[in-house]
Protein backbone atom coordinates (compact mmCIF):
# COMPACT_ATOMS: atom_id res chain seq x y z
CA UNK A 1 0.00 0.00 0.00
CA UNK A 2 1.19 3.49 -0.84
CA UNK A 3 1.37 6.34 1.68
CA UNK A 4 -1.74 7.87 0.09
CA UNK A 5 -3.71 4.64 0.48
CA UNK A 6 -2.65 4.31 4.11
CA UNK A 7 -3.68 7.93 4.75
CA UNK A 8 -7.15 7.33 3.27
CA UNK A 9 -7.70 4.24 5.44
CA UNK A 10 -6.48 6.16 8.51
CA UNK A 11 -8.89 9.02 7.77
CA UNK A 12 -11.79 6.59 7.38
CA UNK A 13 -10.85 4.96 10.70
CA UNK A 14 -10.82 8.41 12.34
CA UNK A 15 -14.27 9.20 10.95
CA UNK A 16 -15.57 5.84 12.20
CA UNK A 17 -14.13 6.71 15.61
CA UNK A 18 -16.25 9.87 15.55
CA UNK A 19 -19.28 7.70 14.74
CA UNK A 20 -18.54 5.51 17.76
CA UNK A 21 -18.29 8.59 19.97
CA UNK A 22 -21.45 10.26 18.65
CA UNK A 23 -23.61 7.14 18.92
CA UNK A 24 -22.56 6.02 22.40
CA UNK A 25 -22.03 9.38 24.12
CA UNK A 26 -25.76 9.49 24.84
CA UNK A 27 -25.20 6.77 27.44
CA UNK A 28 -23.00 9.20 29.39
CA UNK A 29 -25.41 12.10 28.83
CA UNK A 30 -28.54 10.40 30.20
CA UNK A 31 -27.56 10.31 33.90
CA UNK A 32 -27.02 14.09 33.79
CA UNK A 33 -30.24 15.08 32.02
CA UNK A 34 -32.60 16.94 34.36
CA UNK A 35 -35.87 15.15 35.11
CA UNK A 36 -37.91 18.01 33.63
CA UNK A 37 -36.14 17.52 30.28
CA UNK A 38 -36.60 13.74 29.96
CA UNK A 39 -38.31 11.03 32.00
CA UNK A 40 -36.89 7.51 32.30
CA UNK A 41 -39.11 6.30 29.45
CA UNK A 42 -38.16 9.28 27.27
CA UNK A 43 -34.47 8.57 27.83
CA UNK A 44 -34.98 5.19 26.17
CA UNK A 45 -36.54 6.96 23.18
CA UNK A 46 -33.45 9.17 22.88
CA UNK A 47 -31.30 6.06 22.43
CA UNK A 48 -33.69 4.49 19.92
CA UNK A 49 -34.04 7.74 17.94
CA UNK A 50 -30.39 7.72 16.88
CA UNK A 51 -30.52 3.99 16.02
CA UNK A 52 -33.63 4.48 13.86
CA UNK A 53 -31.91 7.40 12.14
CA UNK A 54 -28.86 5.25 11.49
CA UNK A 55 -30.98 2.55 9.90
CA UNK A 56 -32.67 5.05 7.58
CA UNK A 57 -29.38 6.74 6.77
CA UNK A 58 -27.70 3.44 5.93
CA UNK A 59 -30.54 2.09 3.77
CA UNK A 60 -31.90 5.25 2.11
CA UNK A 61 -29.22 7.96 2.11
CA UNK A 62 -25.95 6.03 1.78
CA UNK A 63 -26.92 4.86 -1.71
CA UNK A 64 -26.47 8.46 -2.87
CA UNK A 65 -22.76 7.64 -2.90
CA UNK A 66 -23.36 5.24 -5.80
CA UNK A 67 -24.76 8.09 -7.89
CA UNK A 68 -23.10 11.32 -6.76
CA UNK A 69 -19.80 10.02 -5.43
CA UNK A 70 -18.22 8.83 -2.19
CA UNK A 71 -16.36 12.02 -1.29
CA UNK A 72 -19.25 14.47 -1.35
CA UNK A 73 -21.63 12.05 0.35
CA UNK A 74 -19.24 11.77 3.30
CA UNK A 75 -18.71 15.54 3.44
CA UNK A 76 -22.47 16.16 3.38
CA UNK A 77 -22.94 13.55 6.11
CA UNK A 78 -20.33 15.25 8.30
CA UNK A 79 -22.07 18.62 7.85
CA UNK A 80 -25.39 17.09 8.91
CA UNK A 81 -23.66 15.39 11.84
CA UNK A 82 -22.30 18.72 13.10
CA UNK A 83 -25.80 20.19 12.81
CA UNK A 84 -27.25 17.29 14.80
CA UNK A 85 -24.64 17.59 17.56
CA UNK A 86 -24.99 21.37 17.86
CA UNK A 87 -28.76 20.93 17.90
CA UNK A 88 -28.40 18.36 20.67
CA UNK A 89 -26.25 20.72 22.75
CA UNK A 90 -28.71 23.61 22.29
CA UNK A 91 -31.91 21.56 22.71
CA UNK A 92 -34.28 23.41 25.08
CA UNK A 93 -36.67 20.48 25.56
CA UNK A 94 -37.12 16.74 25.02
CA UNK A 95 -38.72 17.06 21.57
CA UNK A 96 -35.84 19.13 20.22
CA UNK A 97 -33.25 16.73 21.65
CA UNK A 98 -35.13 13.75 20.20
CA UNK A 99 -35.16 15.35 16.75
CA UNK A 100 -31.48 16.30 16.98
CA UNK A 101 -30.51 12.74 17.91
CA UNK A 102 -32.48 11.45 14.92
CA UNK A 103 -30.64 13.86 12.62
CA UNK A 104 -27.33 12.71 14.10
CA UNK A 105 -28.36 9.11 13.44
CA UNK A 106 -29.14 9.88 9.79
CA UNK A 107 -25.63 11.29 9.37
CA UNK A 108 -23.94 8.43 11.21
CA UNK A 109 -25.77 5.79 9.17
CA UNK A 110 -24.66 7.42 5.94
CA UNK A 111 -21.06 8.08 6.95
CA UNK A 112 -20.47 4.63 8.46
CA UNK A 113 -21.42 2.98 5.18
CA UNK A 114 -19.52 5.18 2.75
CA UNK A 115 -16.21 5.35 4.67
CA UNK A 116 -15.91 1.56 4.59
CA UNK A 117 -16.54 1.52 0.84
CA UNK A 118 -13.96 4.29 0.35
CA UNK A 119 -11.31 2.43 2.36
CA UNK A 120 -11.91 -0.80 0.47
CA UNK A 121 -11.85 0.85 -2.95
CA UNK A 122 -8.68 2.76 -2.08
CA UNK A 123 -6.68 -0.40 -1.31
CA UNK A 124 -5.51 -3.41 -3.33
CA UNK A 125 -7.86 -6.40 -3.32
CA UNK A 126 -5.47 -8.40 -1.15
CA UNK A 127 -5.68 -5.68 1.53
CA UNK A 128 -9.48 -5.23 1.64
CA UNK A 129 -9.89 -7.25 4.85
CA UNK A 130 -7.00 -5.45 6.52
CA UNK A 131 -8.39 -2.04 5.57
CA UNK A 132 -11.83 -3.04 6.83
CA UNK A 133 -10.45 -4.21 10.16
CA UNK A 134 -8.56 -0.94 10.65
CA UNK A 135 -11.63 1.16 9.84
CA UNK A 136 -13.88 -0.94 12.08
CA UNK A 137 -11.38 -0.54 14.93
CA UNK A 138 -12.31 3.13 14.99
CA UNK A 139 -15.81 2.44 16.34
CA UNK A 140 -14.86 0.80 19.68
CA UNK A 141 -12.07 3.36 20.04
CA UNK A 142 -14.69 6.08 19.67
CA UNK A 143 -16.86 4.50 22.35
CA UNK A 144 -13.83 4.37 24.64
CA UNK A 145 -13.14 8.06 24.00
CA UNK A 146 -16.80 8.76 24.78
CA UNK A 147 -16.22 7.28 28.23
CA UNK A 148 -12.93 8.94 29.10
CA UNK A 149 -13.54 12.15 27.16
CA UNK A 150 -17.04 12.41 28.55
CA UNK A 151 -15.78 12.20 32.11
CA UNK A 152 -13.24 14.93 31.38
CA UNK A 153 -15.82 17.21 29.72
CA UNK A 154 -18.24 16.79 32.60
CA UNK A 155 -15.51 17.55 35.15
CA UNK A 156 -14.39 20.70 33.29
CA UNK A 157 -17.93 21.97 32.68
CA UNK A 158 -19.22 21.30 36.17
CA UNK A 159 -21.46 18.42 35.09
CA UNK A 160 -23.11 20.16 32.12
CA UNK A 161 -24.48 17.42 29.84
CA UNK A 162 -24.30 19.77 26.85
CA UNK A 163 -20.49 19.66 27.02
CA UNK A 164 -20.47 16.08 25.73
CA UNK A 165 -22.24 17.13 22.54
CA UNK A 166 -19.99 20.18 22.11
CA UNK A 167 -16.92 17.94 22.29
CA UNK A 168 -18.46 15.73 19.59
CA UNK A 169 -19.29 18.76 17.43
CA UNK A 170 -15.71 20.07 17.64
CA UNK A 171 -14.20 16.66 16.82
CA UNK A 172 -16.61 16.19 13.90
CA UNK A 173 -15.79 19.70 12.66
CA UNK A 174 -12.12 18.70 12.59
CA UNK A 175 -13.05 15.55 10.68
CA UNK A 176 -15.02 17.64 8.20
CA UNK A 177 -12.08 19.95 7.52
CA UNK A 178 -9.70 17.01 7.06
CA UNK A 179 -12.16 15.28 4.72
CA UNK A 180 -12.60 18.41 2.58
CA UNK A 181 -8.83 18.81 2.25
CA UNK A 182 -7.59 15.24 2.18
CA UNK A 183 -10.27 12.81 0.98
CA UNK A 184 -10.16 12.19 -2.80
CA UNK A 185 -12.97 10.71 -4.83
CA UNK A 186 -12.79 6.96 -5.25
CA UNK A 187 -11.00 5.99 -8.45
CA UNK A 188 -13.19 2.87 -8.67
CA UNK A 189 -16.31 5.06 -8.57
CA UNK A 190 -14.99 7.36 -11.31
CA UNK A 191 -14.15 4.36 -13.46
CA UNK A 192 -17.53 2.79 -12.79
CA UNK A 193 -19.34 5.98 -13.82
CA UNK A 194 -17.25 6.22 -16.98
CA UNK A 195 -18.08 2.65 -17.99
CA UNK A 196 -21.83 3.17 -17.67
CA UNK A 197 -22.12 6.59 -19.30
CA UNK A 198 -22.61 6.12 -23.09
CA UNK A 199 -22.21 9.84 -23.76
CA UNK A 200 -18.77 9.78 -22.18
CA UNK A 201 -17.60 6.44 -23.55
CA UNK A 202 -14.89 6.27 -26.16
CA UNK A 203 -14.66 3.86 -29.04
CA UNK A 204 -13.06 1.10 -27.01
CA UNK A 205 -14.98 1.62 -23.76
CA UNK A 206 -17.37 -0.94 -22.34
CA UNK A 207 -20.87 0.46 -21.68
CA UNK A 208 -23.01 -1.32 -19.09
CA UNK A 209 -26.74 -1.57 -19.56
CA UNK A 210 -27.79 -0.64 -16.01
CA UNK A 211 -25.84 2.04 -14.14
CA UNK A 212 -27.57 1.12 -10.85
CA UNK A 213 -27.88 -2.66 -10.41
CA UNK A 214 -30.94 -3.66 -8.37
CA UNK A 215 -30.17 -5.38 -5.08
CA UNK A 216 -33.16 -7.68 -5.44
CA UNK A 217 -32.69 -8.29 -9.15
CA UNK A 218 -31.90 -11.83 -10.36
CA UNK A 219 -28.13 -11.33 -10.19
CA UNK A 220 -27.86 -9.80 -6.71
CA UNK A 221 -30.94 -11.10 -4.87
CA UNK A 222 -29.44 -14.18 -3.22
CA UNK A 223 -26.29 -12.47 -1.92
CA UNK A 224 -28.30 -9.46 -0.69
CA UNK A 225 -30.64 -11.70 1.31
CA UNK A 226 -27.78 -13.79 2.73
CA UNK A 227 -25.78 -10.72 3.73
CA UNK A 228 -28.78 -8.96 5.26
CA UNK A 229 -30.05 -11.97 7.21
CA UNK A 230 -26.59 -13.01 8.36
CA UNK A 231 -25.54 -9.53 9.47
CA UNK A 232 -28.95 -8.83 11.03
CA UNK A 233 -28.70 -11.96 13.18
CA UNK A 234 -25.09 -11.19 14.08
CA UNK A 235 -26.02 -7.64 15.10
CA UNK A 236 -28.90 -8.90 17.25
CA UNK A 237 -26.54 -11.19 19.17
CA UNK A 238 -23.83 -8.53 19.44
CA UNK A 239 -26.11 -5.82 20.83
CA UNK A 240 -27.84 -8.25 23.19
CA UNK A 241 -24.52 -9.28 24.71
CA UNK A 242 -23.03 -5.80 24.59
CA UNK A 243 -25.93 -3.95 26.21
CA UNK A 244 -27.33 -6.49 28.67
CA UNK A 245 -24.26 -8.39 29.92
CA UNK A 246 -23.41 -6.14 32.91
CA UNK A 247 -27.00 -6.35 34.16
CA UNK A 248 -27.43 -10.08 33.49
CA UNK A 249 -24.16 -11.04 35.16
CA UNK A 250 -25.05 -8.88 38.15
CA UNK A 251 -28.38 -10.71 38.40
CA UNK A 252 -26.75 -14.11 38.02
CA UNK A 253 -23.98 -13.51 40.57
CA UNK A 254 -25.55 -10.85 42.81
CA UNK A 255 -22.30 -8.95 42.35
CA UNK A 256 -22.37 -5.62 40.49
CA UNK A 257 -18.57 -5.56 40.13
CA UNK A 258 -18.69 -8.93 38.35
CA UNK A 259 -21.16 -7.55 35.83
CA UNK A 260 -18.95 -4.52 35.15
CA UNK A 261 -15.85 -6.70 34.79
CA UNK A 262 -17.46 -9.03 32.27
CA UNK A 263 -18.78 -6.05 30.30
CA UNK A 264 -15.29 -4.54 30.14
CA UNK A 265 -13.75 -7.85 29.06
CA UNK A 266 -16.30 -8.15 26.25
CA UNK A 267 -15.49 -4.59 25.10
CA UNK A 268 -11.75 -5.29 25.17
CA UNK A 269 -12.45 -8.40 23.13
CA UNK A 270 -14.10 -6.29 20.41
CA UNK A 271 -10.95 -4.20 20.11
CA UNK A 272 -8.81 -7.32 19.87
CA UNK A 273 -11.23 -8.74 17.32
CA UNK A 274 -10.86 -5.73 15.01
CA UNK A 275 -7.05 -5.82 15.23
CA UNK A 276 -6.96 -9.60 14.81
CA UNK A 277 -9.19 -9.47 11.73
CA UNK A 278 -6.97 -6.81 10.17
CA UNK A 279 -3.89 -8.99 10.70
CA UNK A 280 -5.53 -12.23 9.57
CA UNK A 281 -6.79 -10.41 6.49
CA UNK A 282 -3.22 -10.22 5.25
CA UNK A 283 -3.30 -13.98 4.60
CA UNK A 284 -6.91 -15.20 4.45
CA UNK A 285 -10.04 -14.23 2.50
CA UNK A 286 -12.98 -12.68 4.32
CA UNK A 287 -15.80 -15.23 4.00
CA UNK A 288 -13.93 -18.34 5.27
CA UNK A 289 -12.45 -16.24 8.09
CA UNK A 290 -15.92 -15.07 9.06
CA UNK A 291 -17.27 -18.62 9.18
CA UNK A 292 -14.42 -19.68 11.49
CA UNK A 293 -14.86 -16.61 13.71
CA UNK A 294 -18.59 -17.27 14.04
CA UNK A 295 -17.77 -20.82 15.16
CA UNK A 296 -15.49 -19.29 17.81
CA UNK A 297 -18.30 -16.98 18.89
CA UNK A 298 -20.82 -19.82 19.20
CA UNK A 299 -18.48 -22.04 21.21
CA UNK A 300 -17.45 -19.11 23.43
CA UNK A 301 -21.07 -18.17 24.10
CA UNK A 302 -22.03 -21.72 25.06
CA UNK A 303 -18.99 -22.11 27.29
CA UNK A 304 -19.59 -18.70 28.85
CA UNK A 305 -23.19 -19.55 29.76
CA UNK A 306 -22.39 -23.04 31.06
CA UNK A 307 -19.37 -22.02 33.15
CA UNK A 308 -20.89 -18.94 34.82
CA UNK A 309 -19.82 -17.62 37.29
CA UNK A 310 -16.38 -19.26 37.26
CA UNK A 311 -13.17 -17.43 36.30
CA UNK A 312 -13.08 -19.37 33.03
CA UNK A 313 -16.33 -17.70 31.97
CA UNK A 314 -14.61 -14.31 32.23
CA UNK A 315 -11.97 -15.41 29.72
CA UNK A 316 -14.68 -16.70 27.40
CA UNK A 317 -16.47 -13.33 27.62
CA UNK A 318 -13.41 -11.70 26.11
CA UNK A 319 -13.15 -14.41 23.45
CA UNK A 320 -16.84 -13.91 22.65
CA UNK A 321 -16.17 -10.22 22.04
CA UNK A 322 -13.32 -11.17 19.70
CA UNK A 323 -15.44 -13.62 17.70
CA UNK A 324 -18.55 -11.48 17.37
CA UNK A 325 -16.89 -8.18 16.43
CA UNK A 326 -14.35 -9.80 14.11
CA UNK A 327 -17.28 -11.55 12.38
CA UNK A 328 -18.93 -8.15 11.89
CA UNK A 329 -15.68 -6.97 10.28
CA UNK A 330 -15.84 -10.05 8.08
CA UNK A 331 -19.32 -9.31 6.79
CA UNK A 332 -18.25 -5.76 6.04
CA UNK A 333 -15.19 -7.00 4.17
CA UNK A 334 -17.28 -9.26 1.91
CA UNK A 335 -19.03 -6.27 0.30
CA UNK A 336 -16.44 -5.47 -2.44
CA UNK A 337 -16.55 -9.07 -3.64
CA UNK A 338 -20.33 -9.38 -3.40
CA UNK A 339 -21.36 -6.22 -5.32
CA UNK A 340 -20.29 -4.31 -8.44
CA UNK A 341 -18.85 -0.86 -7.80
CA UNK A 342 -22.07 1.12 -8.40
CA UNK A 343 -24.04 -1.07 -5.99
CA UNK A 344 -21.58 -1.23 -3.11
CA UNK A 345 -22.82 1.71 -1.05
CA UNK A 346 -26.47 0.73 -1.26
CA UNK A 347 -25.59 -2.96 -0.79
CA UNK A 348 -23.59 -2.28 2.36
CA UNK A 349 -26.16 0.30 3.49
CA UNK A 350 -28.98 -2.23 3.21
CA UNK A 351 -26.99 -4.82 5.14
CA UNK A 352 -26.08 -2.29 7.83
CA UNK A 353 -29.65 -0.99 8.01
CA UNK A 354 -31.04 -4.48 8.60
CA UNK A 355 -28.35 -4.90 11.25
CA UNK A 356 -29.66 -1.77 12.98
CA UNK A 357 -33.08 -3.38 13.13
CA UNK A 358 -31.55 -6.32 14.96
CA UNK A 359 -29.63 -3.92 17.20
CA UNK A 360 -32.83 -2.09 18.12
CA UNK A 361 -35.15 -5.07 18.55
CA UNK A 362 -32.90 -7.59 20.35
CA UNK A 363 -32.29 -5.59 23.57
CA UNK A 364 -36.02 -4.83 23.83
CA UNK A 365 -36.94 -8.52 23.43
CA UNK A 366 -34.49 -9.47 26.15
CA UNK A 367 -36.17 -7.02 28.50
CA UNK A 368 -39.47 -8.88 28.13
CA UNK A 369 -37.85 -12.34 28.11
CA UNK A 370 -36.26 -11.76 31.51
CA UNK A 371 -39.68 -12.25 33.08
CA UNK A 372 -39.73 -15.92 32.05
CA UNK A 373 -36.08 -16.89 31.41
CA UNK A 374 -32.90 -17.02 33.47
CA UNK A 375 -29.77 -15.13 32.32
CA UNK A 376 -28.06 -18.42 31.45
CA UNK A 377 -31.03 -19.51 29.32
CA UNK A 378 -30.98 -16.17 27.51
CA UNK A 379 -27.31 -16.57 26.62
CA UNK A 380 -27.91 -20.09 25.31
CA UNK A 381 -30.84 -18.81 23.25
CA UNK A 382 -28.53 -16.21 21.68
CA UNK A 383 -26.70 -19.12 20.02
CA UNK A 384 -29.60 -19.32 17.53
CA UNK A 385 -28.99 -15.98 15.73
CA UNK A 386 -25.24 -16.67 15.68
CA UNK A 387 -25.91 -20.09 14.11
CA UNK A 388 -28.15 -18.47 11.48
CA UNK A 389 -25.38 -15.95 10.70
CA UNK A 390 -22.91 -18.84 10.32
CA UNK A 391 -25.30 -20.65 7.94
CA UNK A 392 -25.68 -17.48 5.86
CA UNK A 393 -21.89 -17.18 5.67
CA UNK A 394 -21.56 -20.74 4.43
CA UNK A 395 -24.18 -19.92 1.81
CA UNK A 396 -22.09 -16.94 0.65
CA UNK A 397 -19.00 -19.14 0.41
CA UNK A 398 -20.88 -21.73 -1.66
CA UNK A 399 -22.25 -19.00 -3.93
CA UNK A 400 -18.77 -17.53 -4.42
CA UNK A 401 -17.34 -20.92 -5.39
CA UNK A 402 -20.22 -21.49 -7.78
CA UNK A 403 -19.59 -18.15 -9.51
CA UNK A 404 -15.90 -18.90 -9.73
CA UNK A 405 -16.63 -22.28 -11.28
CA UNK A 406 -18.90 -20.78 -13.90
CA UNK A 407 -16.25 -18.19 -14.73
CA UNK A 408 -13.78 -20.91 -15.76
CA UNK A 409 -14.48 -22.00 -19.33
CA UNK A 410 -13.43 -25.45 -20.57
CA UNK A 411 -10.84 -23.81 -22.82
CA UNK A 412 -9.18 -22.34 -19.72
CA UNK A 413 -8.29 -25.79 -18.32
């Protein structure tokens, strides 16, 4: 990789770090919101508002990048993100804060899709998985900054919850300036537009019939469904474990410190998973790696549930974080292989949007299931969505081999 390619991947990782901060900072804001601004029930809506916005941004808005370009879509998303964060900081009431969080979610959903596509298209094919792992590493780093940076901002501002949003707005403003100056348009996008524009094509240029391939058309339907179902199930399991583990372990052990420890180990595992995927991507292709990582996640989850509350279960909590988050990196890394260049943003956006549905629904279902199930039973039940994600991955591998087989003509042998 050239210095320019490395710089583009680093910038995308930085922007993903901002996404991690902006999405999860609300968790540090809520305890400091005055009761007259938001009730306990309304605080839950503030969390969901950003997630709903992310889903819409990923599915509906991110596809603009396949028509107007990657660079300007990211820049526009960053502008909207700054508006959402400033609006959050200035919100005089619950309704205004709810709307501002939704706007922030729209921006985050769009940006998180397009920066991954940019990083992948900026790097050689053999480095796609590595680039994806590096970009994905930005998200848990951003959530970590939200914790430490949020504590600092609250201390400096005397506990003013608005300070957390101002910090995010300043950081995003910096990201916007860097993107305007240093983010080029994707060469793959420019080439793709040239090849589908008859008015611009030269005598020897190939002209495609459809400049915007349909995700549910005959050619792309099967891979779109497999990617969406697999990633949706994986996201449901990830957000269940990530959001409920501290509470469930506290209930199972009657020890609040145990719940916090397991939650931290899971989070550390996600960081290790992103780094590990980036390194493994130097030697192995994404889909087989993802299948193996999902097997690790399933075995870790079963062992974690069965061995609770022993010390061994703590180790498996970290390994579960590795397997689940690295698998999410794997699904993201499959996109360049699964879709042609002018369908990548909307293909990844659709997959990510379905994942947001799983992220929103799974924690709510667990809240109701706790009335009739033990924490251990809930963890064992979470094996089901992980198994479905593994089956979808195997389907993608089989489909890839089938396409490769059809591409080899008898005369080639």
